[in-house]
Amino acid sequence: MIRFEKMSLVAVALGALALPTHAQTPTLTVYTYDAFAAEWGPGPQLKEGFEAHCGCTIDFVAADSSIGALRRAQLEGDATQADIVLGLDTATIGEGRASGLFTEHGLTLDDLDIPLDWADPAFAPFDYGYFAFVYNTEELRDPPASFEDLVALPSDFKIVIQDPRASTTGLGLVLWIKAVYGERAPEIWEGLAPNILTITNGWSESYDLFLAGEADMVLSYTTSPAYHIVAEDDHRYAAAKFEEGHYTQIEVAGILASSPNIELAQEFLDWLVTPEAQAIIPTTNWMYPVIEPEGGIEEGFNAMIDPSPALLLDADEVTANTRAWIDEAFSALR
């Protein structure tokens, strides 16, 4: 009996060795910001859509901001589990490029519908928008039409903004003011100081404070009111049209050179700019798609303000001066 059991075990083992083996399902790990990966953000739908094509698993790993996602990848270096960092923008790709972490995406991006020609070999756009201050039209009948109008308001008129060291929207405000006022930027920041209720780490915290009635306006996007119109049938919210124009943000994704799944990462970035994927972006990330999505864009977006003139500083100038401009803003706020 003992001999039989031993022989049976050997037979089972040999039989197992003879069975065909199957490769493990690859996992594509994407570092991104919390709002993108949230259940109400584009992450879950993009995950479902791409996994239906790729025979893979996508794991969205959220940081408090896209800058935070980049910082994590930088700290981890070649040991990072990330294949892609998603959510950097035209203000931060210079820092991403300087990190040396990214490889060329190898994609042809000739058909993008964005406010400038795109030729960056490492970063692929997936949406875009314009920074703006959002307000409740039932509470504020006569919104400011410029930064100088905003500065002229009494100190009990409060705005909420984000930290430019941690948030792309916060950094966008620094660049917006610099693009409009140049050397006068510190003067505008100093004028804004009495009106700033608080500076939050990220956009979500700021927007929640605004919706709770803690502030009169919040730094957000020209497209933010589209969320309230489309998702909630709530037409109370609007973006203040600033006569000097609105600063442009183009969000991008890049592939890390250390990724063991570079071909799969390229497939994902390529799929991200298909009509199928782009149809998910407007009503989950509440930004403009970079190509015409399936079925067109929702009607609520047509009610958004015209951001022209659309402002955008030279990327190399931004990279060279970001730290100094942030320091300039905080010095003026003290």
C-alpha atoms as a PDB file:
ATOM      1  CA  MET A   1       0.000   0.000   0.000  1.00  0.00           C
ATOM      2  CA  ILE A   2       2.796   2.386   0.873  1.00  0.00           C
ATOM      3  CA  ARG A   3       4.581   1.552  -2.376  1.00  0.00           C
ATOM      4  CA  PHE A   4       1.331   2.137  -4.306  1.00  0.00           C
ATOM      5  CA  GLU A   5       0.806   5.532  -2.671  1.00  0.00           C
ATOM      6  CA  LYS A   6       4.344   6.570  -3.525  1.00  0.00           C
ATOM      7  CA  MET A   7       3.947   5.447  -7.111  1.00  0.00           C
ATOM      8  CA  SER A   8       0.624   7.292  -7.349  1.00  0.00           C
ATOM      9  CA  LEU A   9       2.199  10.501  -6.086  1.00  0.00           C
ATOM     10  CA  VAL A  10       4.976  10.182  -8.637  1.00  0.00           C
ATOM     11  CA  ALA A  11       2.441   9.608 -11.409  1.00  0.00           C
ATOM     12  CA  VAL A  12       0.442  12.660 -10.345  1.00  0.00           C
ATOM     13  CA  ALA A  13       3.587  14.784 -10.308  1.00  0.00           C
ATOM     14  CA  LEU A  14       4.647  13.575 -13.741  1.00  0.00           C
ATOM     15  CA  GLY A  15       1.139  14.132 -15.036  1.00  0.00           C
ATOM     16  CA  ALA A  16       1.173  17.702 -13.734  1.00  0.00           C
ATOM     17  CA  LEU A  17       4.450  18.321 -15.506  1.00  0.00           C
ATOM     18  CA  ALA A  18       2.911  17.090 -18.718  1.00  0.00           C
ATOM     19  CA  LEU A  19      -0.001  19.533 -18.552  1.00  0.00           C
ATOM     20  CA  PRO A  20       0.264  22.598 -20.838  1.00  0.00           C
ATOM     21  CA  THR A  21       1.392  25.760 -19.042  1.00  0.00           C
ATOM     22  CA  HIS A  22      -0.195  29.177 -19.501  1.00  0.00           C
ATOM     23  CA  ALA A  23       1.535  32.536 -19.170  1.00  0.00           C
ATOM     24  CA  GLN A  24       0.382  34.703 -16.316  1.00  0.00           C
ATOM     25  CA  THR A  25      -1.963  37.562 -17.184  1.00  0.00           C
ATOM     26  CA  PRO A  26       0.226  40.685 -17.337  1.00  0.00           C
ATOM     27  CA  THR A  27      -0.600  43.596 -15.035  1.00  0.00           C
ATOM     28  CA  LEU A  28      -0.169  47.171 -16.245  1.00  0.00           C
ATOM     29  CA  THR A  29       0.381  49.474 -13.264  1.00  0.00           C
ATOM     30  CA  VAL A  30      -0.579  53.119 -13.760  1.00  0.00           C
ATOM     31  CA  TYR A  31       0.350  55.787 -11.205  1.00  0.00           C
ATOM     32  CA  THR A  32      -2.157  58.632 -11.347  1.00  0.00           C
ATOM     33  CA  TYR A  33      -4.050  61.150  -9.209  1.00  0.00           C
ATOM     34  CA  ASP A  34      -6.882  60.293  -6.847  1.00  0.00           C
ATOM     35  CA  ALA A  35      -9.743  61.860  -8.830  1.00  0.00           C
ATOM     36  CA  PHE A  36      -8.744  59.910 -11.950  1.00  0.00           C
ATOM     37  CA  ALA A  37      -8.702  56.565 -10.153  1.00  0.00           C
ATOM     38  CA  ALA A  38     -11.833  57.226  -8.064  1.00  0.00           C
ATOM     39  CA  GLU A  39     -14.967  55.174  -8.711  1.00  0.00           C
ATOM     40  CA  TRP A  40     -16.572  58.261 -10.275  1.00  0.00           C
ATOM     41  CA  GLY A  41     -13.465  59.110 -12.320  1.00  0.00           C
ATOM     42  CA  PRO A  42     -12.424  57.724 -15.712  1.00  0.00           C
ATOM     43  CA  GLY A  43     -10.159  55.021 -14.270  1.00  0.00           C
ATOM     44  CA  PRO A  44     -12.731  52.253 -13.674  1.00  0.00           C
ATOM     45  CA  GLN A  45     -14.368  52.611 -17.110  1.00  0.00           C
ATOM     46  CA  LEU A  46     -11.006  52.827 -18.879  1.00  0.00           C
ATOM     47  CA  LYS A  47      -9.881  49.745 -16.978  1.00  0.00           C
ATOM     48  CA  GLU A  48     -12.943  47.798 -18.075  1.00  0.00           C
ATOM     49  CA  GLY A  49     -12.663  48.993 -21.669  1.00  0.00           C
ATOM     50  CA  PHE A  50      -8.979  48.233 -22.153  1.00  0.00           C
ATOM     51  CA  GLU A  51      -9.024  44.918 -20.305  1.00  0.00           C
ATOM     52  CA  ALA A  52     -11.669  43.754 -22.791  1.00  0.00           C
ATOM     53  CA  HIS A  53      -9.047  44.220 -25.550  1.00  0.00           C
ATOM     54  CA  CYS A  54      -5.702  43.444 -23.983  1.00  0.00           C
ATOM     55  CA  GLY A  55      -5.965  40.164 -22.092  1.00  0.00           C
ATOM     56  CA  CYS A  56      -4.333  41.979 -19.186  1.00  0.00           C
ATOM     57  CA  THR A  57      -5.139  43.611 -15.869  1.00  0.00           C
ATOM     58  CA  ILE A  58      -4.821  47.349 -15.231  1.00  0.00           C
ATOM     59  CA  ASP A  59      -4.040  48.547 -11.723  1.00  0.00           C
ATOM     60  CA  PHE A  60      -4.559  52.285 -11.163  1.00  0.00           C
ATOM     61  CA  VAL A  61      -2.525  53.396  -8.140  1.00  0.00           C
ATOM     62  CA  ALA A  62      -3.654  56.779  -6.828  1.00  0.00           C
ATOM     63  CA  ALA A  63      -1.607  59.562  -5.264  1.00  0.00           C
ATOM     64  CA  ASP A  64      -3.084  62.822  -3.978  1.00  0.00           C
ATOM     65  CA  SER A  65      -2.024  64.532  -7.224  1.00  0.00           C
ATOM     66  CA  SER A  66      -0.240  63.798 -10.480  1.00  0.00           C
ATOM     67  CA  ILE A  67       2.835  65.538  -9.080  1.00  0.00           C
ATOM     68  CA  GLY A  68       2.597  63.139  -6.142  1.00  0.00           C
ATOM     69  CA  ALA A  69       2.453  60.226  -8.575  1.00  0.00           C
ATOM     70  CA  LEU A  70       5.643  61.458 -10.261  1.00  0.00           C
ATOM     71  CA  ARG A  71       7.354  61.955  -6.885  1.00  0.00           C
ATOM     72  CA  ARG A  72       6.538  58.377  -5.909  1.00  0.00           C
ATOM     73  CA  ALA A  73       8.009  57.039  -9.148  1.00  0.00           C
ATOM     74  CA  GLN A  74      11.104  59.185  -8.598  1.00  0.00           C
ATOM     75  CA  LEU A  75      11.590  57.909  -5.049  1.00  0.00           C
ATOM     76  CA  GLU A  76      11.199  54.294  -6.155  1.00  0.00           C
ATOM     77  CA  GLY A  77      13.494  54.681  -9.168  1.00  0.00           C
ATOM     78  CA  ASP A  78      14.105  51.553 -11.226  1.00  0.00           C
ATOM     79  CA  ALA A  79      12.461  49.476  -8.479  1.00  0.00           C
ATOM     80  CA  THR A  80       9.062  51.073  -9.114  1.00  0.00           C
ATOM     81  CA  GLN A  81       6.135  48.828  -9.945  1.00  0.00           C
ATOM     82  CA  ALA A  82       4.684  51.522 -12.219  1.00  0.00           C
ATOM     83  CA  ASP A  83       4.617  51.129 -15.981  1.00  0.00           C
ATOM     84  CA  ILE A  84       2.926  54.483 -16.679  1.00  0.00           C
ATOM     85  CA  VAL A  85       2.581  57.839 -14.917  1.00  0.00           C
ATOM     86  CA  LEU A  86      -0.680  59.448 -16.019  1.00  0.00           C
ATOM     87  CA  GLY A  87      -1.808  63.007 -15.264  1.00  0.00           C
ATOM     88  CA  LEU A  88       1.235  65.199 -15.700  1.00  0.00           C
ATOM     89  CA  ASP A  89       0.502  68.239 -17.822  1.00  0.00           C
ATOM     90  CA  THR A  90       2.073  70.930 -19.958  1.00  0.00           C
ATOM     91  CA  ALA A  91       3.421  72.602 -16.814  1.00  0.00           C
ATOM     92  CA  THR A  92       5.076  69.512 -15.356  1.00  0.00           C
ATOM     93  CA  ILE A  93       6.291  67.416 -18.302  1.00  0.00           C
ATOM     94  CA  GLY A  94       9.567  69.337 -18.227  1.00  0.00           C
ATOM     95  CA  GLU A  95      10.199  68.008 -14.741  1.00  0.00           C
ATOM     96  CA  GLY A  96       9.128  64.563 -15.880  1.00  0.00           C
ATOM     97  CA  ARG A  97      11.503  64.722 -18.828  1.00  0.00           C
ATOM     98  CA  ALA A  98      14.374  65.920 -16.613  1.00  0.00           C
ATOM     99  CA  SER A  99      13.830  62.967 -14.255  1.00  0.00           C
ATOM    100  CA  GLY A 100      15.178  60.593 -16.904  1.00  0.00           C
ATOM    101  CA  LEU A 101      12.523  58.038 -15.951  1.00  0.00           C
ATOM    102  CA  PHE A 102      10.520  58.047 -19.180  1.00  0.00           C
ATOM    103  CA  THR A 103      11.011  56.420 -22.551  1.00  0.00           C
ATOM    104  CA  GLU A 104       9.570  57.388 -25.936  1.00  0.00           C
ATOM    105  CA  HIS A 105       5.989  56.269 -26.480  1.00  0.00           C
ATOM    106  CA  GLY A 106       6.511  55.517 -30.192  1.00  0.00           C
ATOM    107  CA  LEU A 107       3.008  56.662 -31.157  1.00  0.00           C
ATOM    108  CA  THR A 108       1.841  58.742 -34.098  1.00  0.00           C
ATOM    109  CA  LEU A 109      -0.352  61.526 -32.722  1.00  0.00           C
ATOM    110  CA  ASP A 110      -1.163  63.539 -35.843  1.00  0.00           C
ATOM    111  CA  ASP A 111      -4.944  63.704 -35.445  1.00  0.00           C
ATOM    112  CA  LEU A 112      -5.230  65.269 -32.002  1.00  0.00           C
ATOM    113  CA  ASP A 113      -7.692  68.133 -31.568  1.00  0.00           C
ATOM    114  CA  ILE A 114      -5.828  70.207 -28.972  1.00  0.00           C
ATOM    115  CA  PRO A 115      -4.827  73.897 -28.786  1.00  0.00           C
ATOM    116  CA  LEU A 116      -1.275  73.345 -30.094  1.00  0.00           C
ATOM    117  CA  ASP A 117       0.760  71.059 -32.322  1.00  0.00           C
ATOM    118  CA  TRP A 118       2.075  68.114 -30.316  1.00  0.00           C
ATOM    119  CA  ALA A 119       5.517  66.665 -30.936  1.00  0.00           C
ATOM    120  CA  ASP A 120       6.731  65.442 -27.531  1.00  0.00           C
ATOM    121  CA  PRO A 121       8.178  61.924 -27.985  1.00  0.00           C
ATOM    122  CA  ALA A 122       7.735  60.837 -24.353  1.00  0.00           C
ATOM    123  CA  PHE A 123       4.316  62.152 -23.327  1.00  0.00           C
ATOM    124  CA  ALA A 124       0.955  61.493 -25.000  1.00  0.00           C
ATOM    125  CA  PRO A 125      -2.035  63.832 -24.379  1.00  0.00           C
ATOM    126  CA  PHE A 126      -5.376  62.368 -23.314  1.00  0.00           C
ATOM    127  CA  ASP A 127      -7.461  65.447 -22.391  1.00  0.00           C
ATOM    128  CA  TYR A 128      -7.271  69.222 -21.974  1.00  0.00           C
ATOM    129  CA  GLY A 129      -9.001  72.161 -20.335  1.00  0.00           C
ATOM    130  CA  TYR A 130      -8.630  75.715 -19.048  1.00  0.00           C
ATOM    131  CA  PHE A 131      -8.279  77.000 -15.496  1.00  0.00           C
ATOM    132  CA  ALA A 132     -11.034  79.203 -14.118  1.00  0.00           C
ATOM    133  CA  PHE A 133     -12.735  80.297 -10.910  1.00  0.00           C
ATOM    134  CA  VAL A 134     -16.100  78.606 -10.397  1.00  0.00           C
ATOM    135  CA  TYR A 135     -18.952  80.249  -8.495  1.00  0.00           C
ATOM    136  CA  ASN A 136     -22.611  79.750  -7.567  1.00  0.00           C
ATOM    137  CA  THR A 137     -24.755  82.056  -9.711  1.00  0.00           C
ATOM    138  CA  GLU A 138     -27.469  82.172  -7.032  1.00  0.00           C
ATOM    139  CA  GLU A 139     -25.006  83.457  -4.452  1.00  0.00           C
ATOM    140  CA  LEU A 140     -22.851  85.699  -6.681  1.00  0.00           C
ATOM    141  CA  ARG A 141     -24.685  87.804  -9.257  1.00  0.00           C
ATOM    142  CA  ASP A 142     -21.745  89.903 -10.463  1.00  0.00           C
ATOM    143  CA  PRO A 143     -18.564  87.781 -10.606  1.00  0.00           C
ATOM    144  CA  PRO A 144     -15.145  89.371 -11.136  1.00  0.00           C
ATOM    145  CA  ALA A 145     -14.090  89.594 -14.786  1.00  0.00           C
ATOM    146  CA  SER A 146     -10.341  89.781 -14.194  1.00  0.00           C
ATOM    147  CA  PHE A 147      -7.725  89.230 -11.516  1.00  0.00           C
ATOM    148  CA  GLU A 148      -7.728  92.958 -10.845  1.00  0.00           C
ATOM    149  CA  ASP A 149     -11.486  92.827 -10.251  1.00  0.00           C
ATOM    150  CA  LEU A 150     -10.903  89.933  -7.854  1.00  0.00           C
ATOM    151  CA  VAL A 151      -8.200  91.825  -5.970  1.00  0.00           C
ATOM    152  CA  ALA A 152     -10.520  94.820  -5.636  1.00  0.00           C
ATOM    153  CA  LEU A 153     -13.201  92.805  -3.799  1.00  0.00           C
ATOM    154  CA  PRO A 154     -13.525  93.199  -0.001  1.00  0.00           C
ATOM    155  CA  SER A 155     -11.560  90.824   2.202  1.00  0.00           C
ATOM    156  CA  ASP A 156     -14.697  88.936   3.259  1.00  0.00           C
ATOM    157  CA  PHE A 157     -15.022  87.644  -0.315  1.00  0.00           C
ATOM    158  CA  LYS A 158     -13.209  84.312  -0.119  1.00  0.00           C
ATOM    159  CA  ILE A 159     -11.620  81.992  -2.672  1.00  0.00           C
ATOM    160  CA  VAL A 160     -10.082  78.551  -2.271  1.00  0.00           C
ATOM    161  CA  ILE A 161      -6.967  77.604  -4.246  1.00  0.00           C
ATOM    162  CA  GLN A 162      -4.514  74.696  -4.312  1.00  0.00           C
ATOM    163  CA  ASP A 163      -0.849  74.414  -3.372  1.00  0.00           C
ATOM    164  CA  PRO A 164       1.281  74.806  -6.540  1.00  0.00           C
ATOM    165  CA  ARG A 165       3.947  72.533  -5.076  1.00  0.00           C
ATOM    166  CA  ALA A 166       1.514  69.620  -4.872  1.00  0.00           C
ATOM    167  CA  SER A 167      -1.299  70.334  -7.329  1.00  0.00           C
ATOM    168  CA  THR A 168      -1.354  70.921 -11.073  1.00  0.00           C
ATOM    169  CA  THR A 169      -4.313  73.281 -10.663  1.00  0.00           C
ATOM    170  CA  GLY A 170      -2.394  75.258  -8.049  1.00  0.00           C
ATOM    171  CA  LEU A 171       0.603  75.454 -10.346  1.00  0.00           C
ATOM    172  CA  GLY A 172      -1.748  76.434 -13.155  1.00  0.00           C
ATOM    173  CA  LEU A 173      -2.805  79.515 -11.199  1.00  0.00           C
ATOM    174  CA  VAL A 174       0.839  80.552 -10.748  1.00  0.00           C
ATOM    175  CA  LEU A 175       1.392  80.246 -14.511  1.00  0.00           C
ATOM    176  CA  TRP A 176      -1.908  81.959 -15.337  1.00  0.00           C
ATOM    177  CA  ILE A 177      -1.021  85.026 -13.281  1.00  0.00           C
ATOM    178  CA  LYS A 178       2.535  85.062 -14.622  1.00  0.00           C
ATOM    179  CA  ALA A 179       1.315  84.744 -18.242  1.00  0.00           C
ATOM    180  CA  VAL A 180      -1.017  87.726 -17.816  1.00  0.00           C
ATOM    181  CA  TYR A 181       0.971  90.043 -15.556  1.00  0.00           C
ATOM    182  CA  GLY A 182       4.631  89.110 -15.957  1.00  0.00           C
ATOM    183  CA  GLU A 183       6.692  91.172 -13.537  1.00  0.00           C
ATOM    184  CA  ARG A 184       3.502  92.455 -11.910  1.00  0.00           C
ATOM    185  CA  ALA A 185       2.624  88.935 -10.710  1.00  0.00           C
ATOM    186  CA  PRO A 186       3.766  89.561  -7.090  1.00  0.00           C
ATOM    187  CA  GLU A 187       1.471  92.585  -6.963  1.00  0.00           C
ATOM    188  CA  ILE A 188      -1.518  90.411  -7.927  1.00  0.00           C
ATOM    189  CA  TRP A 189      -0.591  87.722  -5.396  1.00  0.00           C
ATOM    190  CA  GLU A 190      -0.245  90.290  -2.648  1.00  0.00           C
ATOM    191  CA  GLY A 191      -3.658  91.675  -3.570  1.00  0.00           C
ATOM    192  CA  LEU A 192      -5.218  88.209  -3.497  1.00  0.00           C
ATOM    193  CA  ALA A 193      -3.856  87.342  -0.049  1.00  0.00           C
ATOM    194  CA  PRO A 194      -6.769  88.781   2.020  1.00  0.00           C
ATOM    195  CA  ASN A 195      -9.291  86.896  -0.127  1.00  0.00           C
ATOM    196  CA  ILE A 196      -7.711  83.430   0.130  1.00  0.00           C
ATOM    197  CA  LEU A 197      -9.604  81.345   2.661  1.00  0.00           C
ATOM    198  CA  THR A 198      -7.124  78.479   2.493  1.00  0.00           C
ATOM    199  CA  ILE A 199      -4.668  76.703   0.213  1.00  0.00           C
ATOM    200  CA  THR A 200      -5.400  72.987  -0.002  1.00  0.00           C
ATOM    201  CA  ASN A 201      -3.100  70.199  -1.137  1.00  0.00           C
ATOM    202  CA  GLY A 202      -5.400  69.072  -3.916  1.00  0.00           C
ATOM    203  CA  TRP A 203      -8.376  70.034  -6.054  1.00  0.00           C
ATOM    204  CA  SER A 204     -10.937  67.715  -4.437  1.00  0.00           C
ATOM    205  CA  GLU A 205     -10.497  69.251  -0.990  1.00  0.00           C
ATOM    206  CA  SER A 206     -10.866  72.768  -2.403  1.00  0.00           C
ATOM    207  CA  TYR A 207     -13.971  71.937  -4.396  1.00  0.00           C
ATOM    208  CA  ASP A 208     -15.613  70.267  -1.407  1.00  0.00           C
ATOM    209  CA  LEU A 209     -15.054  73.401   0.679  1.00  0.00           C
ATOM    210  CA  PHE A 210     -16.623  75.517  -2.048  1.00  0.00           C
ATOM    211  CA  LEU A 211     -19.670  73.240  -2.411  1.00  0.00           C
ATOM    212  CA  ALA A 212     -20.098  73.341   1.373  1.00  0.00           C
ATOM    213  CA  GLY A 213     -20.445  77.123   1.148  1.00  0.00           C
ATOM    214  CA  GLU A 214     -17.146  77.899   2.856  1.00  0.00           C
ATOM    215  CA  ALA A 215     -15.910  80.070  -0.042  1.00  0.00           C
ATOM    216  CA  ASP A 216     -17.393  82.262  -2.771  1.00  0.00           C
ATOM    217  CA  MET A 217     -15.207  80.885  -5.574  1.00  0.00           C
ATOM    218  CA  VAL A 218     -12.860  77.964  -6.136  1.00  0.00           C
ATOM    219  CA  LEU A 219      -9.948  77.515  -8.520  1.00  0.00           C
ATOM    220  CA  SER A 220     -11.039  74.814 -10.958  1.00  0.00           C
ATOM    221  CA  TYR A 221     -11.763  74.556 -14.698  1.00  0.00           C
ATOM    222  CA  THR A 222     -14.027  76.197 -17.264  1.00  0.00           C
ATOM    223  CA  THR A 223     -15.619  72.751 -17.724  1.00  0.00           C
ATOM    224  CA  SER A 224     -16.399  72.100 -14.046  1.00  0.00           C
ATOM    225  CA  PRO A 225     -19.966  73.455 -14.351  1.00  0.00           C
ATOM    226  CA  ALA A 226     -20.609  70.825 -17.035  1.00  0.00           C
ATOM    227  CA  TYR A 227     -20.485  68.192 -14.291  1.00  0.00           C
ATOM    228  CA  HIS A 228     -23.318  69.862 -12.409  1.00  0.00           C
ATOM    229  CA  ILE A 229     -25.356  70.284 -15.599  1.00  0.00           C
ATOM    230  CA  VAL A 230     -24.876  66.784 -17.033  1.00  0.00           C
ATOM    231  CA  ALA A 231     -24.633  64.663 -13.877  1.00  0.00           C
ATOM    232  CA  GLU A 232     -26.933  66.586 -11.543  1.00  0.00           C
ATOM    233  CA  ASP A 233     -29.159  68.721 -13.804  1.00  0.00           C
ATOM    234  CA  ASP A 234     -27.972  71.625 -11.646  1.00  0.00           C
ATOM    235  CA  HIS A 235     -27.424  74.887 -13.530  1.00  0.00           C
ATOM    236  CA  ARG A 236     -26.376  77.044 -10.566  1.00  0.00           C
ATOM    237  CA  TYR A 237     -22.636  76.859 -11.168  1.00  0.00           C
ATOM    238  CA  ALA A 238     -20.594  78.791 -13.717  1.00  0.00           C
ATOM    239  CA  ALA A 239     -16.997  79.697 -14.464  1.00  0.00           C
ATOM    240  CA  ALA A 240     -16.124  83.396 -14.301  1.00  0.00           C
ATOM    241  CA  LYS A 241     -14.978  84.650 -17.706  1.00  0.00           C
ATOM    242  CA  PHE A 242     -11.722  86.601 -17.263  1.00  0.00           C
ATOM    243  CA  GLU A 243     -11.127  89.179 -19.974  1.00  0.00           C
ATOM    244  CA  GLU A 244      -7.369  88.574 -19.981  1.00  0.00           C
ATOM    245  CA  GLY A 245      -7.903  84.924 -20.957  1.00  0.00           C
ATOM    246  CA  HIS A 246      -7.578  81.517 -19.327  1.00  0.00           C
ATOM    247  CA  TYR A 247      -4.514  79.313 -18.949  1.00  0.00           C
ATOM    248  CA  THR A 248      -4.454  76.017 -20.850  1.00  0.00           C
ATOM    249  CA  GLN A 249      -3.803  72.602 -19.333  1.00  0.00           C
ATOM    250  CA  ILE A 250      -3.116  69.538 -21.467  1.00  0.00           C
ATOM    251  CA  GLU A 251      -2.893  66.314 -19.463  1.00  0.00           C
ATOM    252  CA  VAL A 252      -0.523  63.584 -20.590  1.00  0.00           C
ATOM    253  CA  ALA A 253       0.657  60.057 -19.865  1.00  0.00           C
ATOM    254  CA  GLY A 254       4.196  58.713 -20.130  1.00  0.00           C
ATOM    255  CA  ILE A 255       5.798  55.257 -20.102  1.00  0.00           C
ATOM    256  CA  LEU A 256       8.577  54.542 -17.603  1.00  0.00           C
ATOM    257  CA  ALA A 257      11.783  53.188 -19.119  1.00  0.00           C
ATOM    258  CA  SER A 258      12.011  50.624 -16.300  1.00  0.00           C
ATOM    259  CA  SER A 259       8.667  49.058 -17.258  1.00  0.00           C
ATOM    260  CA  PRO A 260       8.788  45.357 -18.138  1.00  0.00           C
ATOM    261  CA  ASN A 261       5.576  45.891 -20.130  1.00  0.00           C
ATOM    262  CA  ILE A 262       6.553  48.644 -22.550  1.00  0.00           C
ATOM    263  CA  GLU A 263       4.672  47.194 -25.533  1.00  0.00           C
ATOM    264  CA  LEU A 264       1.537  46.785 -23.439  1.00  0.00           C
ATOM    265  CA  ALA A 265       1.964  50.338 -22.107  1.00  0.00           C
ATOM    266  CA  GLN A 266       2.215  51.603 -25.695  1.00  0.00           C
ATOM    267  CA  GLU A 267      -0.983  49.726 -26.548  1.00  0.00           C
ATOM    268  CA  PHE A 268      -2.754  51.432 -23.640  1.00  0.00           C
ATOM    269  CA  LEU A 269      -1.622  54.936 -24.633  1.00  0.00           C
ATOM    270  CA  ASP A 270      -2.623  54.215 -28.229  1.00  0.00           C
ATOM    271  CA  TRP A 271      -6.056  52.998 -27.081  1.00  0.00           C
ATOM    272  CA  LEU A 272      -6.439  56.031 -24.795  1.00  0.00           C
ATOM    273  CA  VAL A 273      -6.782  58.285 -27.863  1.00  0.00           C
ATOM    274  CA  THR A 274      -9.364  56.141 -29.658  1.00  0.00           C
ATOM    275  CA  PRO A 275     -12.975  57.345 -29.986  1.00  0.00           C
ATOM    276  CA  GLU A 276     -14.020  54.538 -27.620  1.00  0.00           C
ATOM    277  CA  ALA A 277     -11.727  55.648 -24.790  1.00  0.00           C
ATOM    278  CA  GLN A 278     -12.173  59.355 -25.429  1.00  0.00           C
ATOM    279  CA  ALA A 279     -15.942  58.972 -25.032  1.00  0.00           C
ATOM    280  CA  ILE A 280     -15.287  58.148 -21.356  1.00  0.00           C
ATOM    281  CA  ILE A 281     -13.215  61.265 -20.574  1.00  0.00           C
ATOM    282  CA  PRO A 282     -15.662  64.208 -20.762  1.00  0.00           C
ATOM    283  CA  THR A 283     -18.230  62.980 -18.251  1.00  0.00           C
ATOM    284  CA  THR A 284     -15.792  61.351 -15.824  1.00  0.00           C
ATOM    285  CA  ASN A 285     -12.779  63.675 -15.812  1.00  0.00           C
ATOM    286  CA  TRP A 286     -14.828  66.704 -16.940  1.00  0.00           C
ATOM    287  CA  MET A 287     -12.239  67.868 -19.434  1.00  0.00           C
ATOM    288  CA  TYR A 288     -12.258  68.164 -23.222  1.00  0.00           C
ATOM    289  CA  PRO A 289     -11.312  65.045 -25.227  1.00  0.00           C
ATOM    290  CA  VAL A 290      -8.273  65.199 -27.506  1.00  0.00           C
ATOM    291  CA  ILE A 291     -10.182  63.657 -30.424  1.00  0.00           C
ATOM    292  CA  GLU A 292     -13.886  63.490 -31.275  1.00  0.00           C
ATOM    293  CA  PRO A 293     -15.380  60.762 -29.055  1.00  0.00           C
ATOM    294  CA  GLU A 294     -17.954  58.209 -30.082  1.00  0.00           C
ATOM    295  CA  GLY A 295     -21.326  59.943 -30.154  1.00  0.00           C
ATOM    296  CA  GLY A 296     -19.793  63.423 -29.862  1.00  0.00           C
ATOM    297  CA  ILE A 297     -19.496  65.472 -26.680  1.00  0.00           C
ATOM    298  CA  GLU A 298     -22.364  65.957 -24.235  1.00  0.00           C
ATOM    299  CA  GLU A 299     -24.609  68.994 -24.736  1.00  0.00           C
ATOM    300  CA  GLY A 300     -23.710  70.462 -21.348  1.00  0.00           C
ATOM    301  CA  PHE A 301     -20.206  71.260 -22.572  1.00  0.00           C
ATOM    302  CA  ASN A 302     -21.626  73.642 -25.167  1.00  0.00           C
ATOM    303  CA  ALA A 303     -22.771  75.951 -22.369  1.00  0.00           C
ATOM    304  CA  MET A 304     -19.236  76.488 -21.051  1.00  0.00           C
ATOM    305  CA  ILE A 305     -17.541  79.891 -21.337  1.00  0.00           C
ATOM    306  CA  ASP A 306     -15.210  80.681 -24.214  1.00  0.00           C
ATOM    307  CA  PRO A 307     -11.723  80.670 -22.625  1.00  0.00           C
ATOM    308  CA  SER A 308     -10.105  82.800 -25.324  1.00  0.00           C
ATOM    309  CA  PRO A 309      -7.572  84.112 -25.417  1.00  0.00           C
ATOM    310  CA  ALA A 310      -6.180  80.729 -24.425  1.00  0.00           C
ATOM    311  CA  LEU A 311      -2.872  81.254 -22.635  1.00  0.00           C
ATOM    312  CA  LEU A 312       0.128  78.929 -22.546  1.00  0.00           C
ATOM    313  CA  LEU A 313       3.728  79.743 -21.634  1.00  0.00           C
ATOM    314  CA  ASP A 314       6.697  78.125 -23.353  1.00  0.00           C
ATOM    315  CA  ALA A 315       7.393  74.723 -21.762  1.00  0.00           C
ATOM    316  CA  ASP A 316      11.139  75.328 -21.422  1.00  0.00           C
ATOM    317  CA  GLU A 317      10.489  78.696 -19.780  1.00  0.00           C
ATOM    318  CA  VAL A 318       8.105  77.045 -17.328  1.00  0.00           C
ATOM    319  CA  THR A 319      10.589  74.293 -16.457  1.00  0.00           C
ATOM    320  CA  ALA A 320      13.383  76.806 -15.880  1.00  0.00           C
ATOM    321  CA  ASN A 321      11.320  79.155 -13.714  1.00  0.00           C
ATOM    322  CA  THR A 322       8.687  77.114 -11.894  1.00  0.00           C
ATOM    323  CA  ARG A 323      10.452  77.057  -8.524  1.00  0.00           C
ATOM    324  CA  ALA A 324      11.240  80.780  -8.638  1.00  0.00           C
ATOM    325  CA  TRP A 325       7.672  81.695  -9.627  1.00  0.00           C
ATOM    326  CA  ILE A 326       6.202  79.562  -6.826  1.00  0.00           C
ATOM    327  CA  ASP A 327       8.589  81.161  -4.313  1.00  0.00           C
ATOM    328  CA  GLU A 328       7.588  84.574  -5.675  1.00  0.00           C
ATOM    329  CA  ALA A 329       3.898  83.798  -5.106  1.00  0.00           C
ATOM    330  CA  PHE A 330       4.364  82.550  -1.539  1.00  0.00           C
ATOM    331  CA  SER A 331       6.603  85.488  -0.648  1.00  0.00           C
ATOM    332  CA  ALA A 332       3.879  87.870  -1.801  1.00  0.00           C
ATOM    333  CA  LEU A 333       1.220  85.998   0.189  1.00  0.00           C
ATOM    334  CA  ARG A 334       3.096  86.226   3.494  1.00  0.00           C
END
